């Protein structure tokens, strides 16, 4: 996975409201498929733009630190019949309390006509947003993300563990179970393990925490 974000504008609304461009590219390596001719089963591309508002109001001991509103496009860059893509408008609110944080990120899928829609039943499997719970243990961090559509009994969850390696470089381990991990397999119940490197953590991205 490759992810980055770039701040484009500061303080669009008085002393708040920063505009960002972000990009995420995820590739799934076929490590255990010796018969596959391609090393990667799938690559998903996701550019997005969002406005981020810093905040400091508190409810029940939790501080709402960040609120975001954005637009995201996600696709796998493939031709029919394997083409998958969708566009969405989303919001995200992050709450923090000591070494704990959680994120609520609902989305609304922008409708497409039947001819252009590669995956009309996508929300039957991924639902209408993500919930993420994070806990820091010193320099280590554990997070759990869940998504799904209860009405269809389709769910997905991702568990991440991040730990320091050297300097600002961190290692992470990842486990995903359920629906919606990748666009090509959004309607399949999958189980995958991953490992990699990162520079930042969830809590490190919250102003005034780390």
N, C-alpha and C. Protein backbone atom coordinates (compact mmCIF):
# COMPACT_ATOMS: atom_id res chain seq x y z
N UNK A 1 0.84 -1.19 0.00
CA UNK A 1 0.00 0.00 0.00
C UNK A 1 0.87 1.24 0.00
N UNK A 2 0.53 2.21 -0.85
CA UNK A 2 1.18 3.51 -0.90
C UNK A 2 0.14 4.57 -0.62
N UNK A 3 0.37 5.41 0.38
CA UNK A 3 -0.58 6.47 0.72
C UNK A 3 0.17 7.76 1.02
N UNK A 4 -0.38 8.87 0.57
CA UNK A 4 0.17 10.17 0.94
C UNK A 4 -0.92 11.23 0.84
N UNK A 5 -0.69 12.36 1.50
CA UNK A 5 -1.59 13.50 1.37
C UNK A 5 -0.78 14.77 1.30
N UNK A 6 -1.31 15.77 0.58
CA UNK A 6 -0.64 17.05 0.39
C UNK A 6 -1.62 18.16 0.71
N UNK A 7 -1.20 19.09 1.56
CA UNK A 7 -2.06 20.23 1.87
C UNK A 7 -1.97 21.24 0.73
N UNK A 8 -3.14 21.63 0.19
CA UNK A 8 -3.20 22.56 -0.92
C UNK A 8 -3.48 23.99 -0.48
N UNK A 9 -4.37 24.14 0.51
CA UNK A 9 -4.74 25.47 0.99
C UNK A 9 -4.91 25.45 2.50
N UNK A 10 -4.51 26.54 3.16
CA UNK A 10 -4.67 26.71 4.60
C UNK A 10 -5.87 27.62 4.89
N UNK A 11 -6.59 27.29 5.95
CA UNK A 11 -7.58 28.20 6.54
C UNK A 11 -8.52 28.81 5.50
N UNK A 12 -9.28 27.95 4.83
CA UNK A 12 -10.22 28.41 3.82
C UNK A 12 -11.42 29.14 4.43
N UNK A 13 -11.70 28.85 5.71
CA UNK A 13 -12.84 29.45 6.39
C UNK A 13 -12.34 30.12 7.66
N UNK A 14 -11.89 31.35 7.55
CA UNK A 14 -11.33 32.05 8.71
C UNK A 14 -10.01 31.44 9.12
N UNK A 15 -9.97 30.89 10.33
CA UNK A 15 -8.74 30.27 10.82
C UNK A 15 -8.84 28.75 10.84
N UNK A 16 -9.71 28.19 9.98
CA UNK A 16 -9.91 26.74 9.96
C UNK A 16 -10.28 26.30 8.55
N UNK A 17 -10.24 25.00 8.33
CA UNK A 17 -10.65 24.45 7.04
C UNK A 17 -9.51 24.35 6.05
N UNK A 18 -8.70 23.30 6.15
CA UNK A 18 -7.56 23.10 5.26
C UNK A 18 -7.94 22.12 4.15
N UNK A 19 -7.55 22.45 2.92
CA UNK A 19 -7.86 21.63 1.76
C UNK A 19 -6.69 20.70 1.45
N UNK A 20 -6.99 19.40 1.28
CA UNK A 20 -5.97 18.39 1.02
C UNK A 20 -6.29 17.60 -0.25
N UNK A 21 -5.23 17.14 -0.90
CA UNK A 21 -5.34 16.08 -1.90
C UNK A 21 -4.65 14.86 -1.32
N UNK A 22 -5.28 13.69 -1.48
CA UNK A 22 -4.69 12.45 -0.96
C UNK A 22 -4.78 11.37 -2.03
N UNK A 23 -3.88 10.41 -1.92
CA UNK A 23 -3.87 9.30 -2.88
C UNK A 23 -3.48 8.02 -2.16
N UNK A 24 -4.22 6.96 -2.44
CA UNK A 24 -3.91 5.63 -1.90
C UNK A 24 -3.90 4.62 -3.04
N UNK A 25 -2.87 3.81 -3.07
CA UNK A 25 -2.79 2.71 -4.04
C UNK A 25 -2.50 1.42 -3.28
N UNK A 26 -3.37 0.45 -3.45
CA UNK A 26 -3.22 -0.84 -2.75
C UNK A 26 -3.11 -1.96 -3.77
N UNK A 27 -2.12 -2.81 -3.59
CA UNK A 27 -1.92 -3.97 -4.46
C UNK A 27 -1.93 -5.24 -3.61
N UNK A 28 -2.55 -6.28 -4.14
CA UNK A 28 -2.64 -7.56 -3.43
C UNK A 28 -1.73 -8.57 -4.11
N UNK A 29 -0.68 -8.93 -3.42
CA UNK A 29 0.33 -9.86 -3.92
C UNK A 29 -0.16 -11.29 -3.80
N UNK A 30 -0.04 -12.06 -4.87
CA UNK A 30 -0.46 -13.47 -4.87
C UNK A 30 0.70 -14.35 -4.37
N UNK A 31 1.01 -14.20 -3.10
CA UNK A 31 2.20 -14.86 -2.56
C UNK A 31 2.09 -16.38 -2.58
N UNK A 32 0.87 -16.91 -2.49
CA UNK A 32 0.71 -18.37 -2.37
C UNK A 32 0.08 -18.99 -3.61
N UNK A 33 0.04 -18.22 -4.69
CA UNK A 33 -0.53 -18.75 -5.93
C UNK A 33 0.59 -18.94 -6.95
N UNK A 34 1.23 -20.08 -6.92
CA UNK A 34 2.39 -20.33 -7.78
C UNK A 34 2.00 -20.49 -9.25
N UNK A 35 0.71 -20.73 -9.53
CA UNK A 35 0.27 -20.92 -10.91
C UNK A 35 -0.09 -19.60 -11.59
N UNK A 36 -0.16 -18.51 -10.81
CA UNK A 36 -0.55 -17.21 -11.38
C UNK A 36 0.59 -16.63 -12.20
N UNK A 37 0.27 -16.07 -13.37
CA UNK A 37 1.29 -15.47 -14.21
C UNK A 37 1.64 -14.06 -13.77
N UNK A 38 0.73 -13.38 -13.08
CA UNK A 38 0.97 -12.02 -12.60
C UNK A 38 1.25 -12.05 -11.11
N UNK A 39 2.22 -11.23 -10.64
CA UNK A 39 2.54 -11.25 -9.20
C UNK A 39 1.45 -10.64 -8.33
N UNK A 40 0.62 -9.76 -8.92
CA UNK A 40 -0.44 -9.11 -8.15
C UNK A 40 -1.81 -9.50 -8.70
N UNK A 41 -2.71 -9.84 -7.79
CA UNK A 41 -4.08 -10.18 -8.20
C UNK A 41 -4.87 -8.93 -8.55
N UNK A 42 -4.64 -7.84 -7.83
CA UNK A 42 -5.49 -6.67 -7.96
C UNK A 42 -4.75 -5.43 -7.47
N UNK A 43 -4.98 -4.30 -8.12
CA UNK A 43 -4.51 -3.00 -7.64
C UNK A 43 -5.68 -2.04 -7.65
N UNK A 44 -5.89 -1.35 -6.54
CA UNK A 44 -6.95 -0.34 -6.44
C UNK A 44 -6.32 1.04 -6.31
N UNK A 45 -6.89 2.00 -7.06
CA UNK A 45 -6.38 3.37 -7.09
C UNK A 45 -7.44 4.29 -6.50
N UNK A 46 -7.05 5.13 -5.58
CA UNK A 46 -8.04 5.97 -4.90
C UNK A 46 -7.51 7.40 -4.66
N UNK A 47 -7.73 8.31 -5.63
CA UNK A 47 -7.46 9.73 -5.38
C UNK A 47 -8.65 10.36 -4.66
N UNK A 48 -8.39 11.36 -3.85
CA UNK A 48 -9.47 12.03 -3.14
C UNK A 48 -9.07 13.45 -2.78
N UNK A 49 -10.07 14.28 -2.56
CA UNK A 49 -9.86 15.62 -2.05
C UNK A 49 -10.78 15.85 -0.87
N UNK A 50 -10.28 16.53 0.17
CA UNK A 50 -11.13 16.75 1.33
C UNK A 50 -10.74 18.03 2.04
N UNK A 51 -11.69 18.55 2.80
CA UNK A 51 -11.47 19.71 3.66
C UNK A 51 -11.49 19.22 5.10
N UNK A 52 -10.46 19.58 5.87
CA UNK A 52 -10.30 19.12 7.25
C UNK A 52 -10.44 20.29 8.21
N UNK A 53 -11.28 20.11 9.22
CA UNK A 53 -11.51 21.13 10.23
C UNK A 53 -11.01 20.64 11.59
N UNK A 54 -10.09 21.38 12.20
CA UNK A 54 -9.67 21.07 13.57
C UNK A 54 -10.76 21.50 14.53
N UNK A 55 -10.92 20.73 15.60
CA UNK A 55 -12.00 21.00 16.54
C UNK A 55 -11.56 20.63 17.94
N UNK A 56 -12.27 21.16 18.95
CA UNK A 56 -11.89 20.87 20.33
C UNK A 56 -13.10 20.74 21.25
N UNK A 57 -14.27 20.40 20.73
CA UNK A 57 -15.39 20.25 21.64
C UNK A 57 -15.41 18.84 22.21
N UNK A 58 -15.90 18.75 23.44
CA UNK A 58 -15.82 17.50 24.20
C UNK A 58 -17.22 16.99 24.55
N UNK A 59 -17.40 15.68 24.43
CA UNK A 59 -18.65 15.05 24.82
C UNK A 59 -18.32 13.74 25.54
N UNK A 60 -18.84 13.60 26.76
CA UNK A 60 -18.65 12.40 27.58
C UNK A 60 -17.17 12.02 27.72
N UNK A 61 -16.33 13.05 27.85
CA UNK A 61 -14.91 12.81 28.05
C UNK A 61 -14.10 12.59 26.78
N UNK A 62 -14.77 12.54 25.63
CA UNK A 62 -14.09 12.37 24.35
C UNK A 62 -14.01 13.71 23.64
N UNK A 63 -12.85 14.04 23.07
CA UNK A 63 -12.66 15.29 22.36
C UNK A 63 -12.75 15.06 20.86
N UNK A 64 -13.68 15.78 20.22
CA UNK A 64 -13.80 15.72 18.77
C UNK A 64 -12.69 16.59 18.17
N UNK A 65 -11.65 15.95 17.67
CA UNK A 65 -10.45 16.68 17.25
C UNK A 65 -10.45 17.08 15.78
N UNK A 66 -11.04 16.27 14.93
CA UNK A 66 -11.01 16.53 13.48
C UNK A 66 -12.35 16.16 12.86
N UNK A 67 -12.82 17.00 11.93
CA UNK A 67 -13.97 16.68 11.10
C UNK A 67 -13.57 16.91 9.64
N UNK A 68 -13.92 15.97 8.78
CA UNK A 68 -13.54 16.07 7.37
C UNK A 68 -14.74 15.83 6.47
N UNK A 69 -14.75 16.50 5.33
CA UNK A 69 -15.72 16.26 4.27
C UNK A 69 -14.95 16.16 2.97
N UNK A 70 -15.24 15.11 2.18
CA UNK A 70 -14.44 14.94 0.97
C UNK A 70 -15.15 14.16 -0.13
N UNK A 71 -14.44 14.08 -1.26
CA UNK A 71 -14.88 13.30 -2.42
C UNK A 71 -13.78 12.31 -2.76
N UNK A 72 -14.14 11.06 -3.04
CA UNK A 72 -13.16 10.03 -3.38
C UNK A 72 -13.63 9.22 -4.59
N UNK A 73 -12.68 8.89 -5.44
CA UNK A 73 -12.91 7.98 -6.56
C UNK A 73 -12.05 6.75 -6.34
N UNK A 74 -12.61 5.57 -6.53
CA UNK A 74 -11.85 4.34 -6.39
C UNK A 74 -12.10 3.45 -7.61
N UNK A 75 -11.03 2.91 -8.18
CA UNK A 75 -11.16 2.03 -9.34
C UNK A 75 -9.99 1.05 -9.36
N UNK A 76 -10.14 0.02 -10.20
CA UNK A 76 -9.04 -0.94 -10.32
C UNK A 76 -8.34 -0.87 -11.67
N UNK A 77 -8.74 0.06 -12.53
CA UNK A 77 -8.04 0.31 -13.78
C UNK A 77 -8.09 -0.83 -14.78
N UNK A 78 -9.07 -1.70 -14.65
CA UNK A 78 -9.15 -2.86 -15.55
C UNK A 78 -10.31 -2.70 -16.53
N UNK A 79 -10.28 -3.48 -17.59
CA UNK A 79 -11.34 -3.43 -18.59
C UNK A 79 -12.41 -4.46 -18.26
N UNK A 80 -13.57 -4.33 -18.89
CA UNK A 80 -14.66 -5.28 -18.68
C UNK A 80 -14.21 -6.69 -19.05
N UNK A 81 -14.66 -7.71 -18.36
CA UNK A 81 -15.69 -7.69 -17.30
C UNK A 81 -15.13 -7.54 -15.89
N UNK A 82 -13.84 -7.22 -15.76
CA UNK A 82 -13.22 -7.12 -14.44
C UNK A 82 -13.12 -5.69 -13.93
N UNK A 83 -13.64 -4.74 -14.70
CA UNK A 83 -13.59 -3.34 -14.28
C UNK A 83 -14.47 -3.11 -13.05
N UNK A 84 -13.94 -2.36 -12.09
CA UNK A 84 -14.69 -2.00 -10.89
C UNK A 84 -14.36 -0.54 -10.55
N UNK A 85 -15.39 0.25 -10.23
CA UNK A 85 -15.16 1.64 -9.84
C UNK A 85 -16.39 2.20 -9.15
N UNK A 86 -16.17 3.25 -8.36
CA UNK A 86 -17.28 3.97 -7.75
C UNK A 86 -16.77 5.31 -7.24
N UNK A 87 -17.71 6.25 -7.06
CA UNK A 87 -17.41 7.57 -6.52
C UNK A 87 -18.27 7.79 -5.29
N UNK A 88 -17.72 8.50 -4.32
CA UNK A 88 -18.48 8.73 -3.10
C UNK A 88 -18.14 10.09 -2.49
N UNK A 89 -19.09 10.60 -1.76
CA UNK A 89 -18.89 11.76 -0.89
C UNK A 89 -18.91 11.23 0.54
N UNK A 90 -17.97 11.67 1.35
CA UNK A 90 -17.88 11.11 2.69
C UNK A 90 -17.63 12.19 3.73
N UNK A 91 -17.94 11.84 4.95
CA UNK A 91 -17.59 12.66 6.11
C UNK A 91 -16.83 11.80 7.09
N UNK A 92 -16.07 12.43 7.95
CA UNK A 92 -15.36 11.68 8.99
C UNK A 92 -15.20 12.56 10.22
N UNK A 93 -15.52 12.00 11.37
CA UNK A 93 -15.31 12.67 12.65
C UNK A 93 -14.42 11.79 13.51
N UNK A 94 -13.36 12.38 14.07
CA UNK A 94 -12.41 11.65 14.90
C UNK A 94 -12.51 12.15 16.33
N UNK A 95 -12.61 11.21 17.26
CA UNK A 95 -12.71 11.52 18.69
C UNK A 95 -11.52 10.88 19.40
N UNK A 96 -10.98 11.60 20.40
CA UNK A 96 -9.78 11.11 21.09
C UNK A 96 -9.93 11.29 22.59
N UNK A 97 -9.42 10.29 23.32
CA UNK A 97 -9.43 10.34 24.78
C UNK A 97 -8.20 9.60 25.28
N UNK A 98 -7.17 10.35 25.70
CA UNK A 98 -5.94 9.72 26.15
C UNK A 98 -5.31 8.90 25.03
N UNK A 99 -5.06 7.64 25.29
CA UNK A 99 -4.46 6.75 24.30
C UNK A 99 -5.48 6.05 23.42
N UNK A 100 -6.74 6.47 23.52
CA UNK A 100 -7.80 5.90 22.70
C UNK A 100 -8.26 6.91 21.65
N UNK A 101 -8.72 6.42 20.52
CA UNK A 101 -9.36 7.25 19.51
C UNK A 101 -10.35 6.40 18.73
N UNK A 102 -11.38 7.05 18.20
CA UNK A 102 -12.25 6.34 17.27
C UNK A 102 -12.72 7.28 16.18
N UNK A 103 -13.03 6.70 15.05
CA UNK A 103 -13.42 7.45 13.87
C UNK A 103 -14.75 6.93 13.35
N UNK A 104 -15.64 7.85 13.00
CA UNK A 104 -16.92 7.53 12.37
C UNK A 104 -16.88 8.15 10.97
N UNK A 105 -16.99 7.33 9.93
CA UNK A 105 -16.80 7.83 8.56
C UNK A 105 -17.90 7.31 7.64
N UNK A 106 -19.08 7.95 7.65
CA UNK A 106 -20.15 7.55 6.73
C UNK A 106 -19.86 8.05 5.31
N UNK A 107 -20.46 7.40 4.32
CA UNK A 107 -20.30 7.86 2.94
C UNK A 107 -21.62 7.73 2.19
N UNK A 108 -21.72 8.48 1.10
CA UNK A 108 -22.86 8.41 0.18
C UNK A 108 -22.32 8.14 -1.21
N UNK A 109 -22.75 7.04 -1.79
CA UNK A 109 -22.29 6.70 -3.14
C UNK A 109 -23.00 7.56 -4.18
N UNK A 110 -22.23 8.16 -5.08
CA UNK A 110 -22.80 8.95 -6.17
C UNK A 110 -23.39 7.99 -7.20
N UNK A 111 -24.69 8.12 -7.50
CA UNK A 111 -25.34 7.15 -8.40
C UNK A 111 -24.76 7.20 -9.82
N UNK A 112 -24.78 6.06 -10.50
CA UNK A 112 -24.38 5.95 -11.89
C UNK A 112 -25.51 5.30 -12.67
N UNK A 113 -25.51 5.51 -13.99
CA UNK A 113 -26.53 4.83 -14.78
C UNK A 113 -26.17 3.35 -14.90
N UNK A 114 -27.16 2.55 -15.20
CA UNK A 114 -26.98 1.09 -15.20
C UNK A 114 -25.88 0.64 -16.15
N UNK A 115 -25.73 1.33 -17.27
CA UNK A 115 -24.75 0.92 -18.28
C UNK A 115 -23.31 1.10 -17.78
N UNK A 116 -23.09 2.14 -16.96
CA UNK A 116 -21.73 2.46 -16.51
C UNK A 116 -21.39 1.87 -15.15
N UNK A 117 -22.37 1.30 -14.47
CA UNK A 117 -22.13 0.82 -13.10
C UNK A 117 -21.55 -0.59 -13.12
N UNK A 118 -20.27 -0.69 -12.71
CA UNK A 118 -19.59 -1.99 -12.71
C UNK A 118 -19.99 -2.87 -11.53
N UNK A 119 -20.48 -2.23 -10.47
CA UNK A 119 -20.76 -2.97 -9.23
C UNK A 119 -21.96 -2.36 -8.52
N UNK A 120 -23.17 -2.57 -9.06
CA UNK A 120 -24.36 -1.91 -8.52
C UNK A 120 -24.73 -2.34 -7.11
N UNK A 121 -24.28 -3.52 -6.70
CA UNK A 121 -24.65 -4.01 -5.36
C UNK A 121 -23.52 -3.81 -4.35
N UNK A 122 -22.60 -2.91 -4.62
CA UNK A 122 -21.43 -2.71 -3.76
C UNK A 122 -21.80 -2.44 -2.31
N UNK A 123 -22.79 -1.58 -2.10
CA UNK A 123 -23.14 -1.21 -0.72
C UNK A 123 -23.86 -2.33 0.02
N UNK A 124 -24.32 -3.34 -0.70
CA UNK A 124 -24.86 -4.52 -0.01
C UNK A 124 -23.79 -5.25 0.78
N UNK A 125 -22.53 -5.02 0.41
CA UNK A 125 -21.42 -5.74 1.04
C UNK A 125 -20.54 -4.84 1.92
N UNK A 126 -20.30 -3.60 1.48
CA UNK A 126 -19.43 -2.72 2.28
C UNK A 126 -20.22 -1.79 3.20
N UNK A 127 -21.53 -1.69 2.98
CA UNK A 127 -22.34 -0.83 3.83
C UNK A 127 -22.21 0.63 3.46
N UNK A 128 -22.39 1.49 4.46
CA UNK A 128 -22.47 2.93 4.22
C UNK A 128 -21.46 3.72 5.03
N UNK A 129 -20.36 3.07 5.42
CA UNK A 129 -19.33 3.78 6.16
C UNK A 129 -18.45 2.82 6.94
N UNK A 130 -17.42 3.39 7.56
CA UNK A 130 -16.47 2.62 8.36
C UNK A 130 -16.43 3.16 9.79
N UNK A 131 -16.22 2.26 10.74
CA UNK A 131 -15.99 2.62 12.14
C UNK A 131 -14.61 2.09 12.52
N UNK A 132 -13.79 2.94 13.13
CA UNK A 132 -12.43 2.55 13.50
C UNK A 132 -12.16 2.88 14.95
N UNK A 133 -11.62 1.92 15.69
CA UNK A 133 -11.23 2.11 17.09
C UNK A 133 -9.73 1.90 17.19
N UNK A 134 -9.04 2.82 17.89
CA UNK A 134 -7.58 2.79 17.97
C UNK A 134 -7.14 2.87 19.43
N UNK A 135 -6.08 2.12 19.76
CA UNK A 135 -5.50 2.17 21.11
C UNK A 135 -3.99 2.18 20.98
N UNK A 136 -3.35 3.14 21.66
CA UNK A 136 -1.89 3.22 21.68
C UNK A 136 -1.36 2.58 22.95
N UNK A 137 -0.28 1.84 22.82
CA UNK A 137 0.43 1.24 23.95
C UNK A 137 1.88 1.72 23.87
N UNK A 138 2.15 2.89 24.44
CA UNK A 138 3.47 3.48 24.28
C UNK A 138 3.70 3.83 22.82
N UNK A 139 4.76 3.28 22.22
CA UNK A 139 5.07 3.53 20.81
C UNK A 139 4.35 2.58 19.87
N UNK A 140 3.59 1.65 20.40
CA UNK A 140 2.86 0.70 19.58
C UNK A 140 1.39 1.12 19.46
N UNK A 141 0.76 0.67 18.39
CA UNK A 141 -0.63 1.06 18.17
C UNK A 141 -1.41 -0.10 17.55
N UNK A 142 -2.62 -0.30 18.06
CA UNK A 142 -3.52 -1.33 17.54
C UNK A 142 -4.81 -0.65 17.09
N UNK A 143 -5.30 -1.00 15.91
CA UNK A 143 -6.56 -0.42 15.43
C UNK A 143 -7.45 -1.51 14.86
N UNK A 144 -8.75 -1.29 14.99
CA UNK A 144 -9.75 -2.21 14.45
C UNK A 144 -10.76 -1.40 13.64
N UNK A 145 -10.90 -1.73 12.36
CA UNK A 145 -11.88 -1.10 11.50
C UNK A 145 -12.96 -2.11 11.16
N UNK A 146 -14.23 -1.69 11.23
CA UNK A 146 -15.33 -2.57 10.85
C UNK A 146 -16.23 -1.84 9.86
N UNK A 147 -16.82 -2.61 8.96
CA UNK A 147 -17.77 -2.08 7.98
C UNK A 147 -18.76 -3.19 7.66
N UNK A 148 -19.81 -2.84 6.94
CA UNK A 148 -20.75 -3.89 6.55
C UNK A 148 -22.16 -3.38 6.39
N UNK A 149 -23.03 -4.28 5.98
CA UNK A 149 -24.44 -3.99 5.80
C UNK A 149 -25.23 -4.99 6.65
N UNK A 150 -25.67 -4.59 7.86
CA UNK A 150 -26.37 -5.52 8.75
C UNK A 150 -27.62 -6.12 8.11
N UNK A 151 -28.31 -5.33 7.27
CA UNK A 151 -29.52 -5.83 6.64
C UNK A 151 -29.27 -6.99 5.70
N UNK A 152 -28.05 -7.07 5.15
CA UNK A 152 -27.68 -8.16 4.25
C UNK A 152 -26.79 -9.20 4.94
N UNK A 153 -26.46 -8.95 6.20
CA UNK A 153 -25.58 -9.85 6.98
C UNK A 153 -24.21 -10.01 6.33
N UNK A 154 -23.70 -8.91 5.77
CA UNK A 154 -22.37 -8.89 5.17
C UNK A 154 -21.50 -7.93 5.96
N UNK A 155 -20.34 -8.39 6.42
CA UNK A 155 -19.46 -7.58 7.26
C UNK A 155 -18.01 -7.77 6.84
N UNK A 156 -17.19 -6.81 7.22
CA UNK A 156 -15.75 -6.91 7.03
C UNK A 156 -15.05 -6.23 8.18
N UNK A 157 -13.87 -6.72 8.54
CA UNK A 157 -13.11 -6.12 9.63
C UNK A 157 -11.62 -6.20 9.35
N UNK A 158 -10.90 -5.18 9.79
CA UNK A 158 -9.45 -5.14 9.59
C UNK A 158 -8.76 -4.80 10.90
N UNK A 159 -7.78 -5.62 11.28
CA UNK A 159 -7.00 -5.42 12.50
C UNK A 159 -5.57 -5.07 12.10
N UNK A 160 -5.07 -3.95 12.64
CA UNK A 160 -3.72 -3.49 12.34
C UNK A 160 -2.91 -3.37 13.62
N UNK A 161 -1.64 -3.73 13.53
CA UNK A 161 -0.70 -3.56 14.63
C UNK A 161 0.52 -2.84 14.09
N UNK A 162 0.86 -1.68 14.69
CA UNK A 162 1.97 -0.85 14.23
C UNK A 162 3.00 -0.73 15.34
N UNK A 163 4.28 -0.81 14.97
CA UNK A 163 5.34 -0.80 15.98
C UNK A 163 6.58 -0.10 15.40
N UNK A 164 7.41 0.53 16.26
CA UNK A 164 8.59 1.25 15.76
C UNK A 164 9.69 0.29 15.31
N UNK A 165 10.39 0.68 14.23
CA UNK A 165 11.53 -0.08 13.75
C UNK A 165 12.82 0.71 13.95
N UNK A 166 12.96 1.82 13.21
CA UNK A 166 14.12 2.69 13.37
C UNK A 166 13.76 4.09 12.88
N UNK A 167 14.26 5.10 13.57
CA UNK A 167 13.92 6.47 13.21
C UNK A 167 12.41 6.66 13.20
N UNK A 168 11.89 7.20 12.10
CA UNK A 168 10.45 7.40 11.96
C UNK A 168 9.76 6.24 11.24
N UNK A 169 10.54 5.25 10.86
CA UNK A 169 9.98 4.12 10.11
C UNK A 169 9.37 3.11 11.07
N UNK A 170 8.18 2.67 10.75
CA UNK A 170 7.45 1.72 11.57
C UNK A 170 7.10 0.49 10.74
N UNK A 171 6.97 -0.63 11.40
CA UNK A 171 6.45 -1.82 10.76
C UNK A 171 4.99 -2.01 11.12
N UNK A 172 4.25 -2.71 10.28
CA UNK A 172 2.87 -3.01 10.66
C UNK A 172 2.46 -4.38 10.13
N UNK A 173 1.57 -4.98 10.88
CA UNK A 173 0.95 -6.25 10.51
C UNK A 173 -0.54 -6.00 10.35
N UNK A 174 -1.15 -6.67 9.39
CA UNK A 174 -2.55 -6.41 9.08
C UNK A 174 -3.27 -7.72 8.81
N UNK A 175 -4.50 -7.80 9.32
CA UNK A 175 -5.36 -8.97 9.08
C UNK A 175 -6.73 -8.47 8.67
N UNK A 176 -7.27 -9.01 7.58
CA UNK A 176 -8.60 -8.64 7.11
C UNK A 176 -9.44 -9.90 6.97
N UNK A 177 -10.70 -9.79 7.42
CA UNK A 177 -11.66 -10.90 7.29
C UNK A 177 -13.01 -10.34 6.90
N UNK A 178 -13.59 -10.89 5.84
CA UNK A 178 -14.94 -10.48 5.47
C UNK A 178 -15.01 -9.93 4.05
N UNK A 179 -16.05 -9.13 3.84
CA UNK A 179 -16.34 -8.57 2.52
C UNK A 179 -15.73 -7.18 2.37
N UNK A 180 -15.53 -6.77 1.09
CA UNK A 180 -15.19 -5.39 0.82
C UNK A 180 -13.74 -5.01 0.93
N UNK A 181 -12.82 -5.98 0.97
CA UNK A 181 -11.41 -5.59 1.12
C UNK A 181 -10.88 -4.96 -0.17
N UNK A 182 -11.17 -5.57 -1.31
CA UNK A 182 -10.73 -5.04 -2.60
C UNK A 182 -11.93 -4.96 -3.53
N UNK A 183 -11.80 -4.19 -4.61
CA UNK A 183 -12.92 -4.03 -5.53
C UNK A 183 -13.23 -5.33 -6.26
N UNK A 184 -12.22 -6.08 -6.66
CA UNK A 184 -12.47 -7.30 -7.42
C UNK A 184 -13.15 -8.36 -6.56
N UNK A 185 -12.90 -8.33 -5.25
CA UNK A 185 -13.45 -9.34 -4.33
C UNK A 185 -14.45 -8.74 -3.34
N UNK A 186 -15.05 -7.60 -3.68
CA UNK A 186 -15.93 -6.93 -2.71
C UNK A 186 -17.08 -7.81 -2.25
N UNK A 187 -17.53 -8.71 -3.12
CA UNK A 187 -18.68 -9.57 -2.78
C UNK A 187 -18.26 -10.99 -2.40
N UNK A 188 -16.99 -11.14 -2.00
CA UNK A 188 -16.48 -12.44 -1.54
C UNK A 188 -15.98 -12.30 -0.11
N UNK A 189 -16.24 -13.31 0.69
CA UNK A 189 -15.75 -13.35 2.07
C UNK A 189 -14.30 -13.84 2.04
N UNK A 190 -13.36 -12.92 2.28
CA UNK A 190 -11.94 -13.25 2.15
C UNK A 190 -11.25 -13.18 3.51
N UNK A 191 -10.09 -13.79 3.56
CA UNK A 191 -9.24 -13.72 4.74
C UNK A 191 -7.81 -13.49 4.26
N UNK A 192 -7.20 -12.36 4.69
CA UNK A 192 -5.87 -12.04 4.19
C UNK A 192 -4.99 -11.48 5.30
N UNK A 193 -3.69 -11.76 5.18
CA UNK A 193 -2.69 -11.21 6.08
C UNK A 193 -1.76 -10.30 5.27
N UNK A 194 -1.29 -9.23 5.91
CA UNK A 194 -0.36 -8.33 5.24
C UNK A 194 0.68 -7.81 6.20
N UNK A 195 1.78 -7.33 5.65
CA UNK A 195 2.81 -6.68 6.45
C UNK A 195 3.45 -5.59 5.60
N UNK A 196 4.05 -4.60 6.28
CA UNK A 196 4.63 -3.50 5.53
C UNK A 196 5.30 -2.49 6.43
N UNK A 197 5.49 -1.29 5.87
CA UNK A 197 6.16 -0.21 6.58
C UNK A 197 5.29 1.04 6.51
N UNK A 198 5.41 1.89 7.51
CA UNK A 198 4.68 3.15 7.53
C UNK A 198 5.54 4.21 8.21
N UNK A 199 5.15 5.47 8.02
CA UNK A 199 5.85 6.59 8.65
C UNK A 199 5.03 7.14 9.80
N UNK A 200 3.72 7.13 9.65
CA UNK A 200 2.84 7.76 10.62
C UNK A 200 1.91 6.74 11.26
N UNK A 201 1.23 7.14 12.33
CA UNK A 201 0.21 6.32 12.97
C UNK A 201 -1.10 7.09 12.99
N UNK A 202 -2.17 6.43 13.38
CA UNK A 202 -3.47 7.09 13.45
C UNK A 202 -3.44 8.25 14.44
N UNK A 203 -2.98 7.98 15.66
CA UNK A 203 -2.97 9.01 16.70
C UNK A 203 -1.99 10.12 16.39
N UNK A 204 -0.92 9.82 15.66
CA UNK A 204 0.04 10.86 15.30
C UNK A 204 -0.56 11.90 14.38
N UNK A 205 -1.63 11.53 13.68
CA UNK A 205 -2.27 12.47 12.78
C UNK A 205 -3.30 13.37 13.44
N UNK A 206 -3.51 13.24 14.75
CA UNK A 206 -4.48 14.05 15.47
C UNK A 206 -3.76 15.23 16.11
N UNK A 207 -4.14 16.47 15.79
CA UNK A 207 -3.46 17.63 16.36
C UNK A 207 -3.46 17.60 17.88
N UNK A 208 -2.31 17.87 18.47
CA UNK A 208 -2.22 17.98 19.92
C UNK A 208 -2.08 16.67 20.64
N UNK A 209 -1.87 15.56 19.91
CA UNK A 209 -1.72 14.27 20.60
C UNK A 209 -0.28 13.79 20.54
N UNK A 210 0.21 13.40 19.35
CA UNK A 210 1.56 12.84 19.24
C UNK A 210 2.34 13.55 18.15
